[in-house]
Amino acid sequence: MLNYPYCACGESFIAANGDQIKASTQYFSDTGVLAMLCQHDIPIFLANMWTAGEKQFYVFALLDALIKHLPHRWRIGALYDIGCQIDQSLKKWDFLPEWSGRLEWGVSIFHAYGHQWTCQLWYHPRKNEIWGLSDGEGCEQFWSELQ
């Protein structure tokens, strides 16, 4: 286990538990959809989720698709409900080290308050200038507009 101050956040959220089943694969071939939106809340990529549970590889697949289309010198900010856990996985397993200098992780603002206080210090969008006034909740609004 890493000695990062935000390790305990994985225990606080259902989405951080990749084994948590929200939709049965017995009845559905797709169990959900993961969306990537730009800072203006315009959908860029969507991914069909086909496994039981919210697995991190969906996030990695969307990021990989995005990174292939951007110049190498660009920094990329990623606000995600459990961004701290994704960041921890990338560091713990030295997964995709070519991304490490380009990615800045944060937790969407309304989810930040459910995280451990040390995680809030590291990942709250108001604590890092890369986010400006973005709150990371455009995806929630995107889903509500689809109704």
N, C-alpha and C. Protein backbone atom coordinates (compact mmCIF):
# COMPACT_ATOMS: atom_id res chain seq x y z
N MET A 1 0.85 -1.18 0.00
CA MET A 1 0.00 0.00 0.00
C MET A 1 0.89 1.24 0.00
N LEU A 2 0.51 2.20 -0.78
CA LEU A 2 1.27 3.45 -0.84
C LEU A 2 1.07 4.26 0.41
N ASN A 3 2.01 5.09 0.69
CA ASN A 3 1.91 5.96 1.85
C ASN A 3 1.42 7.34 1.43
N TYR A 4 0.45 7.39 0.55
CA TYR A 4 -0.15 8.66 0.14
C TYR A 4 -1.25 9.02 1.11
N PRO A 5 -1.49 10.29 1.33
CA PRO A 5 -2.49 10.69 2.31
C PRO A 5 -3.91 10.41 1.85
N TYR A 6 -4.12 10.02 0.62
CA TYR A 6 -5.47 9.84 0.10
C TYR A 6 -5.84 8.39 -0.13
N CYS A 7 -5.13 7.46 0.44
CA CYS A 7 -5.41 6.04 0.25
C CYS A 7 -6.79 5.65 0.78
N ALA A 8 -7.24 6.25 1.85
CA ALA A 8 -8.50 5.86 2.46
C ALA A 8 -9.72 6.25 1.63
N CYS A 9 -9.55 7.11 0.64
CA CYS A 9 -10.70 7.53 -0.17
C CYS A 9 -11.30 6.37 -0.94
N GLY A 10 -10.52 5.38 -1.27
CA GLY A 10 -11.03 4.23 -2.00
C GLY A 10 -12.10 3.48 -1.24
N GLU A 11 -12.08 3.58 0.08
CA GLU A 11 -13.06 2.91 0.91
C GLU A 11 -14.35 3.71 1.05
N SER A 12 -14.33 4.98 0.63
CA SER A 12 -15.46 5.87 0.84
C SER A 12 -16.45 5.90 -0.31
N PHE A 13 -16.07 5.41 -1.46
CA PHE A 13 -16.91 5.56 -2.64
C PHE A 13 -17.19 4.24 -3.33
N ILE A 14 -18.42 4.04 -3.73
CA ILE A 14 -18.81 2.85 -4.47
C ILE A 14 -18.06 2.79 -5.79
N ALA A 15 -17.90 3.95 -6.46
CA ALA A 15 -17.23 3.99 -7.76
C ALA A 15 -15.77 3.56 -7.66
N ALA A 16 -15.15 3.74 -6.51
CA ALA A 16 -13.75 3.34 -6.34
C ALA A 16 -13.62 1.84 -6.15
N ASN A 17 -14.72 1.19 -5.86
CA ASN A 17 -14.70 -0.26 -5.67
C ASN A 17 -15.05 -0.92 -7.00
N GLY A 18 -14.06 -1.37 -7.72
CA GLY A 18 -14.26 -1.98 -9.03
C GLY A 18 -15.07 -3.26 -8.98
N ASP A 19 -15.23 -3.84 -7.79
CA ASP A 19 -16.02 -5.06 -7.66
C ASP A 19 -17.49 -4.79 -7.36
N GLN A 20 -17.83 -3.54 -7.10
CA GLN A 20 -19.22 -3.18 -6.81
C GLN A 20 -20.04 -3.33 -8.09
N ILE A 21 -21.06 -4.15 -8.04
CA ILE A 21 -21.89 -4.41 -9.21
C ILE A 21 -23.11 -3.51 -9.18
N LYS A 22 -23.24 -2.66 -10.22
CA LYS A 22 -24.39 -1.77 -10.34
C LYS A 22 -25.41 -2.31 -11.34
N ALA A 23 -24.94 -3.06 -12.33
CA ALA A 23 -25.83 -3.65 -13.33
C ALA A 23 -25.30 -5.04 -13.66
N SER A 24 -26.20 -5.98 -13.75
CA SER A 24 -25.81 -7.37 -13.99
C SER A 24 -25.45 -7.61 -15.45
N THR A 25 -24.36 -8.30 -15.66
CA THR A 25 -23.98 -8.69 -17.03
C THR A 25 -24.82 -9.88 -17.49
N GLN A 26 -25.57 -10.47 -16.58
CA GLN A 26 -26.45 -11.58 -16.95
C GLN A 26 -27.61 -11.08 -17.81
N TYR A 27 -28.07 -9.87 -17.55
CA TYR A 27 -29.22 -9.33 -18.26
C TYR A 27 -28.88 -8.26 -19.28
N PHE A 28 -27.71 -7.62 -19.13
CA PHE A 28 -27.34 -6.50 -20.00
C PHE A 28 -25.96 -6.74 -20.59
N SER A 29 -25.80 -6.47 -21.89
CA SER A 29 -24.47 -6.59 -22.49
C SER A 29 -23.63 -5.35 -22.18
N ASP A 30 -24.28 -4.20 -22.04
CA ASP A 30 -23.61 -2.97 -21.60
C ASP A 30 -24.13 -2.62 -20.22
N THR A 31 -23.23 -2.29 -19.32
CA THR A 31 -23.63 -2.02 -17.94
C THR A 31 -23.63 -0.54 -17.60
N GLY A 32 -23.19 0.29 -18.53
CA GLY A 32 -23.16 1.73 -18.29
C GLY A 32 -22.40 2.44 -19.39
N VAL A 33 -22.31 3.74 -19.25
CA VAL A 33 -21.58 4.57 -20.20
C VAL A 33 -20.71 5.53 -19.40
N LEU A 34 -19.46 5.68 -19.82
CA LEU A 34 -18.55 6.65 -19.22
C LEU A 34 -18.31 7.74 -20.25
N ALA A 35 -18.41 8.99 -19.84
CA ALA A 35 -18.26 10.11 -20.77
C ALA A 35 -17.06 10.96 -20.38
N MET A 36 -16.39 11.50 -21.40
CA MET A 36 -15.31 12.48 -21.22
C MET A 36 -15.78 13.77 -21.86
N LEU A 37 -15.79 14.84 -21.06
CA LEU A 37 -16.22 16.14 -21.54
C LEU A 37 -15.06 17.12 -21.49
N CYS A 38 -15.07 18.11 -22.37
CA CYS A 38 -14.06 19.16 -22.32
C CYS A 38 -14.43 20.15 -21.21
N GLN A 39 -13.59 21.16 -21.02
CA GLN A 39 -13.84 22.12 -19.95
C GLN A 39 -15.11 22.94 -20.18
N HIS A 40 -15.63 22.92 -21.41
CA HIS A 40 -16.87 23.64 -21.73
C HIS A 40 -18.08 22.71 -21.66
N ASP A 41 -17.87 21.51 -21.14
CA ASP A 41 -18.91 20.51 -20.93
C ASP A 41 -19.49 19.96 -22.23
N ILE A 42 -18.67 19.90 -23.26
CA ILE A 42 -19.04 19.30 -24.54
C ILE A 42 -18.48 17.87 -24.54
N PRO A 43 -19.31 16.86 -24.83
CA PRO A 43 -18.80 15.48 -24.86
C PRO A 43 -17.73 15.30 -25.93
N ILE A 44 -16.63 14.67 -25.56
CA ILE A 44 -15.53 14.38 -26.50
C ILE A 44 -15.55 12.90 -26.86
N PHE A 45 -15.55 12.05 -25.84
CA PHE A 45 -15.56 10.61 -26.05
C PHE A 45 -16.56 9.96 -25.09
N LEU A 46 -17.15 8.87 -25.55
CA LEU A 46 -18.01 8.03 -24.72
C LEU A 46 -17.49 6.60 -24.80
N ALA A 47 -17.63 5.87 -23.73
CA ALA A 47 -17.22 4.46 -23.73
C ALA A 47 -18.33 3.62 -23.12
N ASN A 48 -18.72 2.57 -23.81
CA ASN A 48 -19.66 1.61 -23.25
C ASN A 48 -18.94 0.78 -22.21
N MET A 49 -19.54 0.69 -21.04
CA MET A 49 -18.98 -0.17 -20.00
C MET A 49 -19.64 -1.53 -20.16
N TRP A 50 -18.84 -2.57 -20.17
CA TRP A 50 -19.37 -3.91 -20.43
C TRP A 50 -19.06 -4.88 -19.29
N THR A 51 -18.45 -4.39 -18.23
CA THR A 51 -18.15 -5.24 -17.08
C THR A 51 -19.03 -4.84 -15.90
N ALA A 52 -19.19 -5.76 -14.98
CA ALA A 52 -19.86 -5.42 -13.73
C ALA A 52 -18.88 -4.60 -12.90
N GLY A 53 -19.28 -3.47 -12.43
CA GLY A 53 -18.40 -2.59 -11.66
C GLY A 53 -17.74 -1.55 -12.54
N GLU A 54 -17.34 -0.47 -11.92
CA GLU A 54 -16.71 0.65 -12.62
C GLU A 54 -15.20 0.46 -12.59
N LYS A 55 -14.64 -0.09 -13.62
CA LYS A 55 -13.21 -0.41 -13.68
C LYS A 55 -12.40 0.79 -14.15
N GLN A 56 -11.18 0.89 -13.66
CA GLN A 56 -10.32 2.02 -14.02
C GLN A 56 -9.90 2.00 -15.48
N PHE A 57 -9.89 0.84 -16.11
CA PHE A 57 -9.41 0.80 -17.49
C PHE A 57 -10.29 1.59 -18.43
N TYR A 58 -11.55 1.85 -18.06
CA TYR A 58 -12.40 2.71 -18.89
C TYR A 58 -11.85 4.13 -18.93
N VAL A 59 -11.43 4.62 -17.77
CA VAL A 59 -10.84 5.96 -17.68
C VAL A 59 -9.54 6.01 -18.49
N PHE A 60 -8.72 4.97 -18.35
CA PHE A 60 -7.46 4.93 -19.09
C PHE A 60 -7.70 4.90 -20.60
N ALA A 61 -8.72 4.17 -21.04
CA ALA A 61 -9.02 4.11 -22.47
C ALA A 61 -9.44 5.47 -23.01
N LEU A 62 -10.27 6.19 -22.26
CA LEU A 62 -10.70 7.52 -22.71
C LEU A 62 -9.53 8.49 -22.72
N LEU A 63 -8.69 8.44 -21.69
CA LEU A 63 -7.51 9.31 -21.65
C LEU A 63 -6.55 9.01 -22.79
N ASP A 64 -6.37 7.74 -23.09
CA ASP A 64 -5.49 7.35 -24.18
C ASP A 64 -6.01 7.90 -25.51
N ALA A 65 -7.31 7.80 -25.72
CA ALA A 65 -7.90 8.33 -26.95
C ALA A 65 -7.69 9.84 -27.04
N LEU A 66 -7.84 10.54 -25.93
CA LEU A 66 -7.65 12.00 -25.92
C LEU A 66 -6.19 12.38 -26.16
N ILE A 67 -5.29 11.75 -25.43
CA ILE A 67 -3.87 12.10 -25.50
C ILE A 67 -3.31 11.91 -26.90
N LYS A 68 -3.81 10.94 -27.63
CA LYS A 68 -3.34 10.70 -29.01
C LYS A 68 -3.66 11.88 -29.94
N HIS A 69 -4.62 12.72 -29.56
CA HIS A 69 -5.04 13.83 -30.41
C HIS A 69 -4.49 15.18 -29.97
N LEU A 70 -3.71 15.22 -28.90
CA LEU A 70 -3.21 16.48 -28.37
C LEU A 70 -1.70 16.60 -28.54
N PRO A 71 -1.20 17.83 -28.69
CA PRO A 71 0.25 18.02 -28.78
C PRO A 71 0.95 17.52 -27.50
N HIS A 72 2.16 17.02 -27.64
CA HIS A 72 2.89 16.45 -26.50
C HIS A 72 3.23 17.47 -25.43
N ARG A 73 3.27 18.73 -25.76
CA ARG A 73 3.65 19.75 -24.78
C ARG A 73 2.48 20.20 -23.90
N TRP A 74 1.27 19.80 -24.22
CA TRP A 74 0.10 20.22 -23.46
C TRP A 74 -0.02 19.48 -22.14
N ARG A 75 -0.39 20.23 -21.10
CA ARG A 75 -0.76 19.62 -19.82
C ARG A 75 -2.25 19.34 -19.88
N ILE A 76 -2.65 18.26 -19.31
CA ILE A 76 -4.05 17.84 -19.34
C ILE A 76 -4.56 17.74 -17.92
N GLY A 77 -5.65 18.44 -17.66
CA GLY A 77 -6.30 18.37 -16.36
C GLY A 77 -7.45 17.39 -16.42
N ALA A 78 -7.52 16.49 -15.47
CA ALA A 78 -8.60 15.50 -15.41
C ALA A 78 -9.31 15.60 -14.08
N LEU A 79 -10.55 16.06 -14.11
CA LEU A 79 -11.39 16.09 -12.92
C LEU A 79 -12.30 14.87 -12.97
N TYR A 80 -12.25 14.08 -11.93
CA TYR A 80 -13.04 12.85 -11.89
C TYR A 80 -13.46 12.62 -10.45
N ASP A 81 -14.64 12.02 -10.26
CA ASP A 81 -15.17 11.81 -8.91
C ASP A 81 -14.18 11.10 -7.99
N ILE A 82 -13.42 10.18 -8.55
CA ILE A 82 -12.41 9.45 -7.78
C ILE A 82 -11.04 9.62 -8.44
N GLY A 83 -10.75 10.85 -8.88
CA GLY A 83 -9.46 11.15 -9.52
C GLY A 83 -8.28 10.79 -8.65
N CYS A 84 -8.43 10.91 -7.34
CA CYS A 84 -7.34 10.56 -6.43
C CYS A 84 -6.97 9.10 -6.55
N GLN A 85 -7.96 8.24 -6.74
CA GLN A 85 -7.70 6.80 -6.86
C GLN A 85 -7.04 6.46 -8.20
N ILE A 86 -7.45 7.15 -9.26
CA ILE A 86 -6.83 6.92 -10.56
C ILE A 86 -5.37 7.37 -10.51
N ASP A 87 -5.13 8.54 -9.93
CA ASP A 87 -3.76 9.05 -9.79
C ASP A 87 -2.92 8.09 -8.96
N GLN A 88 -3.49 7.58 -7.88
CA GLN A 88 -2.77 6.64 -7.02
C GLN A 88 -2.41 5.38 -7.78
N SER A 89 -3.32 4.87 -8.59
CA SER A 89 -3.05 3.66 -9.37
C SER A 89 -1.93 3.88 -10.37
N LEU A 90 -1.96 5.02 -11.05
CA LEU A 90 -0.91 5.32 -12.02
C LEU A 90 0.46 5.37 -11.35
N LYS A 91 0.52 5.94 -10.15
CA LYS A 91 1.80 6.03 -9.42
C LYS A 91 2.21 4.69 -8.82
N LYS A 92 1.26 4.00 -8.23
CA LYS A 92 1.56 2.75 -7.54
C LYS A 92 2.11 1.70 -8.50
N TRP A 93 1.50 1.56 -9.66
CA TRP A 93 1.88 0.52 -10.60
C TRP A 93 2.79 1.02 -11.70
N ASP A 94 3.19 2.29 -11.62
CA ASP A 94 4.01 2.92 -12.66
C ASP A 94 3.39 2.65 -14.04
N PHE A 95 2.08 2.81 -14.07
CA PHE A 95 1.31 2.55 -15.27
C PHE A 95 1.32 3.79 -16.15
N LEU A 96 1.64 3.62 -17.41
CA LEU A 96 1.68 4.71 -18.39
C LEU A 96 2.54 5.88 -17.92
N PRO A 97 3.81 5.64 -17.65
CA PRO A 97 4.68 6.70 -17.14
C PRO A 97 4.82 7.88 -18.10
N GLU A 98 4.57 7.65 -19.39
CA GLU A 98 4.64 8.75 -20.35
C GLU A 98 3.54 9.79 -20.13
N TRP A 99 2.53 9.44 -19.36
CA TRP A 99 1.46 10.38 -19.05
C TRP A 99 1.77 11.24 -17.82
N SER A 100 2.65 10.76 -16.96
CA SER A 100 2.81 11.37 -15.63
C SER A 100 3.14 12.86 -15.67
N GLY A 101 3.96 13.29 -16.58
CA GLY A 101 4.30 14.71 -16.64
C GLY A 101 3.23 15.57 -17.29
N ARG A 102 2.25 14.93 -17.90
CA ARG A 102 1.22 15.66 -18.64
C ARG A 102 -0.09 15.77 -17.89
N LEU A 103 -0.36 14.87 -16.95
CA LEU A 103 -1.66 14.82 -16.30
C LEU A 103 -1.67 15.51 -14.95
N GLU A 104 -2.70 16.27 -14.72
CA GLU A 104 -2.96 16.89 -13.42
C GLU A 104 -4.33 16.40 -12.98
N TRP A 105 -4.39 15.71 -11.84
CA TRP A 105 -5.64 15.11 -11.37
C TRP A 105 -6.33 15.98 -10.34
N GLY A 106 -7.63 15.95 -10.37
CA GLY A 106 -8.45 16.62 -9.39
C GLY A 106 -9.73 15.83 -9.17
N VAL A 107 -10.45 16.21 -8.15
CA VAL A 107 -11.73 15.58 -7.84
C VAL A 107 -12.81 16.63 -8.07
N SER A 108 -13.85 16.25 -8.81
CA SER A 108 -14.92 17.20 -9.08
C SER A 108 -15.44 17.77 -7.76
N ILE A 109 -15.79 19.04 -7.81
CA ILE A 109 -15.96 19.83 -6.59
C ILE A 109 -17.01 19.29 -5.61
N PHE A 110 -18.13 18.82 -6.10
CA PHE A 110 -19.17 18.35 -5.18
C PHE A 110 -18.84 16.98 -4.60
N HIS A 111 -17.94 16.25 -5.24
CA HIS A 111 -17.50 14.98 -4.70
C HIS A 111 -16.31 15.17 -3.75
N ALA A 112 -15.60 16.28 -3.88
CA ALA A 112 -14.40 16.51 -3.07
C ALA A 112 -14.71 16.47 -1.58
N TYR A 113 -15.88 16.95 -1.19
CA TYR A 113 -16.20 17.02 0.23
C TYR A 113 -16.50 15.66 0.84
N GLY A 114 -16.70 14.64 0.01
CA GLY A 114 -16.87 13.30 0.52
C GLY A 114 -15.56 12.56 0.71
N HIS A 115 -14.46 13.18 0.26
CA HIS A 115 -13.14 12.57 0.37
C HIS A 115 -12.50 12.91 1.71
N GLN A 116 -11.47 12.18 2.03
CA GLN A 116 -10.69 12.47 3.24
C GLN A 116 -10.15 13.89 3.16
N TRP A 117 -9.96 14.54 4.28
CA TRP A 117 -9.55 15.96 4.25
C TRP A 117 -8.19 16.14 3.59
N THR A 118 -7.28 15.17 3.75
CA THR A 118 -5.97 15.30 3.11
C THR A 118 -6.10 15.20 1.59
N CYS A 119 -7.02 14.38 1.14
CA CYS A 119 -7.29 14.28 -0.30
C CYS A 119 -7.84 15.61 -0.82
N GLN A 120 -8.71 16.24 -0.05
CA GLN A 120 -9.26 17.54 -0.45
C GLN A 120 -8.15 18.57 -0.63
N LEU A 121 -7.14 18.50 0.23
CA LEU A 121 -6.04 19.45 0.10
C LEU A 121 -5.26 19.24 -1.18
N TRP A 122 -5.10 17.99 -1.59
CA TRP A 122 -4.34 17.68 -2.81
C TRP A 122 -5.15 17.83 -4.08
N TYR A 123 -6.42 17.48 -4.05
CA TYR A 123 -7.18 17.32 -5.28
C TYR A 123 -8.36 18.26 -5.47
N HIS A 124 -8.64 19.11 -4.53
CA HIS A 124 -9.76 20.04 -4.68
C HIS A 124 -9.47 21.00 -5.83
N PRO A 125 -10.42 21.20 -6.76
CA PRO A 125 -10.14 22.04 -7.93
C PRO A 125 -9.80 23.50 -7.60
N ARG A 126 -10.21 23.99 -6.47
CA ARG A 126 -9.89 25.38 -6.10
C ARG A 126 -8.47 25.51 -5.55
N LYS A 127 -7.79 24.39 -5.35
CA LYS A 127 -6.44 24.42 -4.79
C LYS A 127 -5.36 24.39 -5.87
N ASN A 128 -5.76 24.35 -7.15
CA ASN A 128 -4.78 24.27 -8.23
C ASN A 128 -5.22 25.20 -9.36
N GLU A 129 -4.31 26.02 -9.84
CA GLU A 129 -4.65 27.03 -10.85
C GLU A 129 -5.03 26.45 -12.21
N ILE A 130 -4.70 25.20 -12.48
CA ILE A 130 -5.03 24.62 -13.79
C ILE A 130 -6.54 24.58 -14.05
N TRP A 131 -7.34 24.52 -12.98
CA TRP A 131 -8.78 24.36 -13.15
C TRP A 131 -9.52 25.68 -13.37
N GLY A 132 -8.92 26.80 -13.00
CA GLY A 132 -9.66 28.05 -13.08
C GLY A 132 -10.90 27.94 -12.22
N LEU A 133 -12.06 28.23 -12.79
CA LEU A 133 -13.31 28.11 -12.03
C LEU A 133 -14.10 26.86 -12.41
N SER A 134 -13.47 25.93 -13.11
CA SER A 134 -14.15 24.68 -13.46
C SER A 134 -14.46 23.91 -12.19
N ASP A 135 -15.66 23.33 -12.15
CA ASP A 135 -16.02 22.55 -10.98
C ASP A 135 -16.07 21.05 -11.25
N GLY A 136 -15.96 20.66 -12.53
CA GLY A 136 -15.94 19.24 -12.86
C GLY A 136 -17.29 18.57 -12.81
N GLU A 137 -18.35 19.34 -12.67
CA GLU A 137 -19.68 18.75 -12.57
C GLU A 137 -20.45 18.78 -13.87
N GLY A 138 -19.79 19.16 -14.98
CA GLY A 138 -20.46 19.19 -16.27
C GLY A 138 -20.97 17.84 -16.71
N CYS A 139 -20.28 16.78 -16.31
CA CYS A 139 -20.72 15.44 -16.69
C CYS A 139 -22.05 15.11 -16.01
N GLU A 140 -22.21 15.52 -14.76
CA GLU A 140 -23.47 15.30 -14.06
C GLU A 140 -24.60 16.03 -14.78
N GLN A 141 -24.33 17.25 -15.21
CA GLN A 141 -25.33 18.03 -15.94
C GLN A 141 -25.62 17.40 -17.30
N PHE A 142 -24.58 16.88 -17.94
CA PHE A 142 -24.73 16.20 -19.22
C PHE A 142 -25.72 15.04 -19.10
N TRP A 143 -25.55 14.21 -18.07
CA TRP A 143 -26.44 13.07 -17.89
C TRP A 143 -27.86 13.52 -17.60
N SER A 144 -28.02 14.57 -16.81
CA SER A 144 -29.38 15.02 -16.48
C SER A 144 -30.08 15.61 -17.70
N GLU A 145 -29.33 16.18 -18.63
CA GLU A 145 -29.90 16.73 -19.86
C GLU A 145 -30.37 15.64 -20.82
N LEU A 146 -29.81 14.44 -20.72
CA LEU A 146 -30.19 13.36 -21.61
C LEU A 146 -31.59 12.82 -21.36
N GLN A 147 -32.15 13.10 -20.20
CA GLN A 147 -33.48 12.60 -19.87
C GLN A 147 -34.43 13.21 -20.82
